[in-house]
Protein backbone atom coordinates (compact mmCIF):
# COMPACT_ATOMS: atom_id res chain seq x y z
CA MET A 1 21.35 -9.18 11.52
CA VAL A 2 21.47 -5.36 11.51
CA ASN A 3 22.19 -5.24 7.77
CA ALA A 4 19.34 -7.67 7.06
CA PHE A 5 16.84 -5.10 8.36
CA ILE A 6 18.41 -2.26 6.39
CA GLU A 7 18.60 -4.33 3.18
CA GLY A 8 15.02 -5.58 3.59
CA ARG A 9 15.94 -9.27 3.89
CA VAL A 10 14.23 -9.27 7.29
CA THR A 11 10.82 -7.62 7.45
CA TRP A 12 8.79 -6.91 10.54
CA LYS A 13 5.22 -6.43 11.67
CA ILE A 14 3.78 -5.70 15.08
CA TYR A 15 0.50 -7.03 16.40
CA ASP A 16 -1.61 -6.73 19.50
CA TYR A 17 -4.96 -8.48 19.41
CA GLY A 18 -5.25 -6.74 16.07
CA SER A 19 -3.09 -5.05 13.48
CA TYR A 20 -2.94 -1.68 15.27
CA TYR A 21 0.69 -0.85 14.46
CA THR A 22 2.35 0.44 11.31
CA PRO A 23 6.11 -0.06 10.77
CA GLN A 24 7.60 3.26 9.71
CA PHE A 25 11.38 3.71 9.73
CA VAL A 26 14.56 1.70 10.25
CA TYR A 27 17.98 3.14 11.09
CA LYS A 28 21.41 1.54 11.40
CA ARG A 29 23.74 2.89 14.07
CA LEU A 30 27.25 1.86 13.02
CA ASP A 31 29.29 2.16 16.22
CA GLY A 32 31.51 -0.88 16.94
CA GLN A 33 30.12 -2.95 19.79
CA HIS A 34 27.15 -0.57 20.03
CA THR A 35 26.07 -1.15 16.43
CA ALA A 36 22.31 -1.61 16.41
CA VAL A 37 19.18 -1.24 14.34
CA THR A 38 16.36 1.03 15.53
CA MET A 39 12.86 0.41 14.25
CA GLN A 40 10.07 2.96 14.58
CA PHE A 41 6.39 2.11 14.47
CA PHE A 42 3.14 3.93 15.12
CA ARG A 43 -0.05 2.74 16.81
CA HIS A 44 -2.77 4.13 14.59
CA THR A 45 -5.81 3.13 16.65
CA PHE A 46 -6.52 3.58 20.34
CA GLY A 47 -9.21 2.52 22.76
CA GLN A 48 -9.58 -0.99 21.42
CA ASP A 49 -11.68 -3.32 23.54
CA LYS A 50 -9.09 -6.06 23.26
CA ASP A 51 -5.51 -5.22 24.14
CA LEU A 52 -2.76 -7.49 25.38
CA PRO A 53 -2.27 -7.09 29.15
CA GLY A 54 -0.15 -4.19 30.29
CA ASN A 55 -0.14 -1.22 32.61
CA THR A 56 1.10 2.38 32.68
CA LYS A 57 4.74 1.20 32.82
CA LYS A 58 4.71 -1.61 30.26
CA ASP A 59 2.67 -3.12 27.46
CA GLN A 60 2.83 -6.27 25.37
CA ILE A 61 2.99 -6.71 21.62
CA TYR A 62 3.82 -9.49 19.20
CA LEU A 63 6.82 -8.76 16.98
CA MET A 64 6.81 -10.90 13.85
CA LEU A 65 10.06 -11.15 11.91
CA GLU A 66 10.17 -12.72 8.47
CA GLY A 67 13.33 -13.62 6.60
CA LEU A 68 15.48 -14.81 9.50
CA ASP A 69 16.44 -17.78 7.32
CA GLN A 70 18.23 -15.20 5.11
CA VAL A 71 20.54 -14.12 7.96
CA ASP A 72 23.96 -15.59 8.69
CA PHE A 73 24.38 -15.18 12.44
CA GLY A 74 27.99 -16.37 12.27
CA ASN A 75 29.14 -17.42 15.74
CA LYS A 76 26.21 -15.65 17.44
CA ASN A 77 23.17 -17.45 18.79
CA MET A 78 20.03 -16.35 16.94
CA LEU A 79 17.74 -16.78 19.95
CA GLU A 80 20.05 -14.78 22.25
CA CYS A 81 20.24 -12.03 19.62
CA LEU A 82 16.47 -11.81 19.36
CA GLU A 83 15.92 -11.91 23.12
CA ASP A 84 18.19 -8.87 23.64
CA VAL A 85 15.72 -6.46 22.07
CA GLN A 86 15.35 -3.13 23.87
CA ALA A 87 12.10 -1.18 23.57
CA GLY A 88 11.17 2.41 24.21
CA THR A 89 8.14 4.61 23.66
CA MET A 90 7.44 8.21 22.85
CA HIS A 91 4.16 10.08 23.02
CA VAL A 92 3.30 12.07 19.89
CA ASP A 93 0.77 14.89 19.90
CA SER A 94 -0.12 15.13 16.21
CA GLU A 95 -0.26 13.21 12.94
CA GLU A 96 2.61 15.37 11.67
CA GLU A 97 4.78 14.46 14.65
CA ALA A 98 3.90 10.79 14.13
CA GLN A 99 5.40 10.93 10.62
CA VAL A 100 8.80 12.26 11.73
CA ASP A 101 11.67 9.77 11.52
CA TRP A 102 12.91 9.68 15.12
CA THR A 103 15.12 6.60 14.63
CA PRO A 104 18.50 8.38 14.32
CA CYS A 105 17.86 10.34 17.52
CA ALA A 106 16.61 7.28 19.42
CA SER A 107 19.49 5.15 18.16
CA TRP A 108 22.15 7.51 19.51
CA ASP A 109 20.27 8.25 22.75
CA LYS A 110 21.35 5.03 24.49
CA ASP A 111 24.34 2.74 24.01
CA LEU A 112 23.29 -0.82 23.29
CA GLY A 113 25.54 -3.81 22.86
CA TRP A 114 28.01 -5.51 25.09
């Protein structure tokens, strides 16, 4: 699954009530059981009237993945794989900061996997 993101066989988009998010960068952390893919996106509009319910601690989005039929999950369960997604956020103060690829840093910040 991780390689499918890197190779572009699986593509991704993020939606709220609208298309407010832009996918930016993808990074593969190759680290045994902690191997993971980190995806960075940017919300380019704020203050929308319609936003999926959330609060100051959490928000909701729709993650759309295309190309899953191109992935061989081997002995892993596809649904379990997809349900184990971890999310994090980072506030950016400028357009320049929003264009920095933070995925390597974020990927190595926390061990994922089991």
